[in-house]
Amino acid sequence: MHDVVEFDRLLARVGDGESAATGKILPIVYEELRRIAASSMRRERRAHTWRTTDLAHEAWIRLSDQRAADPARREQFLAIAAETIRRVLVDHARKREARIHGNDPRRVTLESADFGREDATVDVLALEAVLSRLAELDPRQARVVELRFFAGLTIEETARVLRVSPGTVKGDWLMARAFLRRGLAAEEDP
């Protein structure tokens, strides 16, 4: 992970249109994307057809197309990257399910619903469904899951992104994990 202050300075310079800063920040941004992608891929099923590099490349392409959302700080970039990676994984899973099962999507048994473990693997489509329900009930808790689970942010980084205290993030994370465990168990047994 790179120096946060330097990353923020480079982002500001890129925002000001400084082309030299763009050349300096691109390798850092790509490295951050690979780190986030690696964190996300550790939670995917073992037989996943993508590698970390595939996920990072797809996220890179989608982020390159998002000119409207120029982050001003590293934490904002990480939040945007986490959301992008989540969407890439969900889109990939939907396409895969459609290819395999046609118009008859089937539920996939989850290997683990324990969001407290680093090695937890889940069905991305089931997670997306439950996370969408959580977002309707408590958008901040859903955002905490996105930042912690998909981007691998720490409690402190998540707190900075959301502009809340670390204690608030800890509470949201605890409540969100309980909601997700229940929701994923229900997805598993329709």
Protein backbone atom coordinates (compact mmCIF):
# COMPACT_ATOMS: atom_id res chain seq x y z
CA MET A 1 0.00 0.00 0.00
CA HIS A 2 1.29 3.41 -0.93
CA ASP A 3 1.64 6.54 1.12
CA VAL A 4 -1.89 7.91 1.54
CA VAL A 5 -0.78 11.55 1.53
CA GLU A 6 1.18 11.10 -1.72
CA PHE A 7 -1.75 9.25 -3.30
CA ASP A 8 -4.09 12.09 -2.34
CA ARG A 9 -1.64 14.69 -3.72
CA LEU A 10 -1.41 12.83 -7.01
CA LEU A 11 -5.21 12.55 -7.22
CA ALA A 12 -5.51 16.30 -6.66
CA ARG A 13 -2.92 16.98 -9.36
CA VAL A 14 -4.72 14.65 -11.77
CA GLY A 15 -7.97 16.48 -10.96
CA ASP A 16 -6.23 19.74 -11.84
CA GLY A 17 -5.36 18.28 -15.25
CA GLU A 18 -1.65 17.76 -14.66
CA SER A 19 -0.61 15.09 -17.16
CA ALA A 20 2.66 14.23 -15.37
CA ALA A 21 0.65 13.24 -12.28
CA THR A 22 -1.51 10.92 -14.38
CA GLY A 23 1.54 8.93 -15.44
CA LYS A 24 2.68 8.64 -11.83
CA ILE A 25 -0.68 7.61 -10.37
CA LEU A 26 -1.72 4.98 -12.94
CA PRO A 27 0.65 2.26 -11.65
CA ILE A 28 -0.41 3.02 -8.07
CA VAL A 29 -4.10 2.84 -8.99
CA TYR A 30 -3.56 -0.46 -10.79
CA GLU A 31 -1.68 -1.88 -7.80
CA GLU A 32 -4.54 -0.84 -5.50
CA LEU A 33 -7.04 -2.49 -7.86
CA ARG A 34 -5.02 -5.71 -7.83
CA ARG A 35 -4.90 -5.62 -4.01
CA ILE A 36 -8.68 -5.15 -3.81
CA ALA A 37 -9.25 -7.81 -6.48
CA ALA A 38 -7.01 -10.27 -4.60
CA SER A 39 -8.98 -9.65 -1.42
CA SER A 40 -12.25 -10.28 -3.25
CA MET A 41 -11.01 -13.36 -5.09
CA ARG A 42 -9.94 -15.03 -1.82
CA ARG A 43 -13.63 -15.19 -0.96
CA GLU A 44 -14.74 -16.64 -4.29
CA ARG A 45 -15.36 -20.30 -4.95
CA ARG A 46 -12.25 -22.32 -5.73
CA ALA A 47 -13.38 -23.14 -9.27
CA HIS A 48 -13.90 -19.48 -10.20
CA THR A 49 -13.03 -18.95 -13.86
CA TRP A 50 -11.30 -15.60 -13.27
CA ARG A 51 -7.93 -14.84 -11.75
CA THR A 52 -7.07 -11.74 -9.73
CA THR A 53 -5.59 -10.12 -12.82
CA ASP A 54 -8.81 -10.68 -14.80
CA LEU A 55 -10.86 -8.99 -12.11
CA ALA A 56 -8.41 -6.10 -11.79
CA HIS A 57 -8.39 -5.58 -15.58
CA GLU A 58 -12.18 -5.57 -15.84
CA ALA A 59 -12.44 -3.14 -12.92
CA TRP A 60 -9.75 -0.96 -14.55
CA ILE A 61 -11.78 -0.83 -17.78
CA ARG A 62 -14.98 0.07 -15.96
CA LEU A 63 -13.26 2.69 -13.83
CA SER A 64 -11.68 4.19 -16.95
CA ASP A 65 -15.17 4.63 -18.39
CA GLN A 66 -16.37 6.48 -15.25
CA ARG A 67 -15.25 10.02 -15.94
CA ALA A 68 -17.97 11.55 -13.75
CA ALA A 69 -16.68 10.13 -10.47
CA ASP A 70 -13.20 11.59 -9.97
CA PRO A 71 -12.15 10.80 -6.41
CA ALA A 72 -10.36 13.47 -4.41
CA ARG A 73 -8.87 11.11 -1.81
CA ARG A 74 -7.56 7.56 -1.63
CA GLU A 75 -10.50 6.46 0.51
CA GLN A 76 -12.95 7.75 -2.10
CA PHE A 77 -11.05 5.90 -4.80
CA LEU A 78 -11.15 2.71 -2.72
CA ALA A 79 -14.90 3.09 -2.22
CA ILE A 80 -15.45 3.52 -5.96
CA ALA A 81 -13.13 0.59 -6.69
CA ALA A 82 -14.93 -1.65 -4.18
CA GLU A 83 -18.29 -0.90 -5.75
CA THR A 84 -16.88 -1.51 -9.23
CA ILE A 85 -15.34 -4.84 -8.25
CA ARG A 86 -18.58 -5.90 -6.60
CA ARG A 87 -20.48 -5.11 -9.80
CA VAL A 88 -17.91 -6.93 -11.96
CA LEU A 89 -18.18 -10.07 -9.81
CA VAL A 90 -21.99 -9.94 -9.79
CA ASP A 91 -22.19 -9.41 -13.55
CA HIS A 92 -19.74 -12.27 -14.15
CA ALA A 93 -21.72 -14.58 -11.85
CA ARG A 94 -25.01 -13.69 -13.55
CA LYS A 95 -23.57 -14.36 -17.01
CA ARG A 96 -22.10 -17.65 -15.83
CA GLU A 97 -25.39 -18.76 -14.28
CA ALA A 98 -27.27 -17.79 -17.43
CA ARG A 99 -24.85 -19.82 -19.60
CA ILE A 100 -25.03 -22.85 -17.34
CA HIS A 101 -28.69 -22.83 -16.43
CA GLY A 102 -30.38 -20.82 -19.16
CA ASN A 103 -33.37 -18.92 -17.85
CA ASP A 104 -33.72 -21.20 -14.84
CA PRO A 105 -31.30 -19.76 -12.27
CA ARG A 106 -30.62 -22.20 -9.47
CA ARG A 107 -29.42 -21.49 -5.98
CA VAL A 108 -25.88 -22.46 -5.15
CA THR A 109 -25.01 -23.82 -1.75
CA LEU A 110 -22.71 -21.52 0.14
CA GLU A 111 -19.42 -22.88 1.38
CA SER A 112 -19.38 -20.37 4.23
CA ALA A 113 -21.46 -17.47 5.47
CA ASP A 114 -19.04 -16.37 8.16
CA PHE A 115 -18.08 -12.82 7.27
CA GLY A 116 -15.68 -12.66 10.14
CA ARG A 117 -13.20 -15.00 8.46
CA GLU A 118 -10.75 -13.95 5.78
CA ASP A 119 -11.16 -17.22 3.89
CA ALA A 120 -14.96 -17.13 3.74
CA THR A 121 -16.36 -17.98 0.31
CA VAL A 122 -19.90 -17.17 -0.73
CA ASP A 123 -22.15 -17.32 -3.75
CA VAL A 124 -21.83 -13.81 -5.18
CA LEU A 125 -25.41 -13.77 -6.50
CA ALA A 126 -26.83 -14.77 -3.12
CA LEU A 127 -24.66 -12.15 -1.45
CA GLU A 128 -25.84 -9.50 -3.92
CA ALA A 129 -29.49 -10.33 -3.23
CA VAL A 130 -29.05 -10.15 0.55
CA LEU A 131 -26.84 -7.07 0.35
CA SER A 132 -29.48 -5.30 -1.77
CA ARG A 133 -32.08 -6.04 0.91
CA LEU A 134 -29.73 -4.71 3.58
CA ALA A 135 -29.18 -1.54 1.53
CA GLU A 136 -32.93 -0.91 1.57
CA LEU A 137 -33.01 -1.24 5.36
CA ASP A 138 -29.70 0.37 6.26
CA PRO A 139 -27.65 1.86 3.42
CA ARG A 140 -24.65 2.62 5.64
CA GLN A 141 -24.40 -0.98 6.87
CA ALA A 142 -24.51 -2.17 3.25
CA ARG A 143 -21.75 0.30 2.37
CA VAL A 144 -19.67 -0.98 5.30
CA VAL A 145 -19.97 -4.53 3.92
CA GLU A 146 -19.01 -3.36 0.46
CA LEU A 147 -15.94 -1.53 1.74
CA ARG A 148 -14.83 -4.21 4.22
CA PHE A 149 -15.73 -7.33 2.22
CA PHE A 150 -15.10 -6.28 -1.39
CA ALA A 151 -12.32 -3.71 -0.92
CA GLY A 152 -10.75 -5.25 2.16
CA LEU A 153 -10.62 -1.90 3.95
CA THR A 154 -9.84 -1.78 7.65
CA ILE A 155 -12.28 -0.45 10.21
CA GLU A 156 -10.35 2.83 10.31
CA GLU A 157 -10.24 3.22 6.51
CA THR A 158 -13.94 2.45 6.28
CA ALA A 159 -14.66 5.05 8.96
CA ARG A 160 -12.72 7.68 6.99
CA VAL A 161 -14.56 6.86 3.76
CA LEU A 162 -17.95 7.06 5.47
CA ARG A 163 -16.96 9.97 7.73
CA VAL A 164 -18.08 8.19 10.88
CA SER A 165 -16.24 6.91 13.93
CA PRO A 166 -14.47 3.52 13.96
CA GLY A 167 -16.88 2.50 16.72
CA THR A 168 -19.83 3.18 14.41
CA VAL A 169 -18.23 1.07 11.70
CA LYS A 170 -17.60 -1.77 14.17
CA GLY A 171 -21.25 -1.71 15.23
CA ASP A 172 -22.49 -1.54 11.64
CA TRP A 173 -20.14 -4.38 10.63
CA LEU A 174 -21.38 -6.55 13.50
CA MET A 175 -25.05 -5.92 12.67
CA ALA A 176 -24.53 -6.29 8.92
CA ARG A 177 -22.69 -9.61 9.30
CA ALA A 178 -25.55 -10.98 11.41
CA PHE A 179 -28.08 -9.80 8.80
CA LEU A 180 -26.04 -11.35 6.00
CA ARG A 181 -25.60 -14.67 7.80
CA ARG A 182 -29.36 -14.94 8.28
CA GLY A 183 -30.10 -13.80 4.74
CA LEU A 184 -27.55 -16.11 3.15
CA ALA A 185 -28.85 -19.06 5.17
CA ALA A 186 -32.35 -18.27 3.87
CA GLU A 187 -31.01 -18.05 0.29
CA GLU A 188 -29.40 -21.44 0.79
CA ASP A 189 -32.66 -23.05 1.97
CA PRO A 190 -35.49 -21.49 -0.10
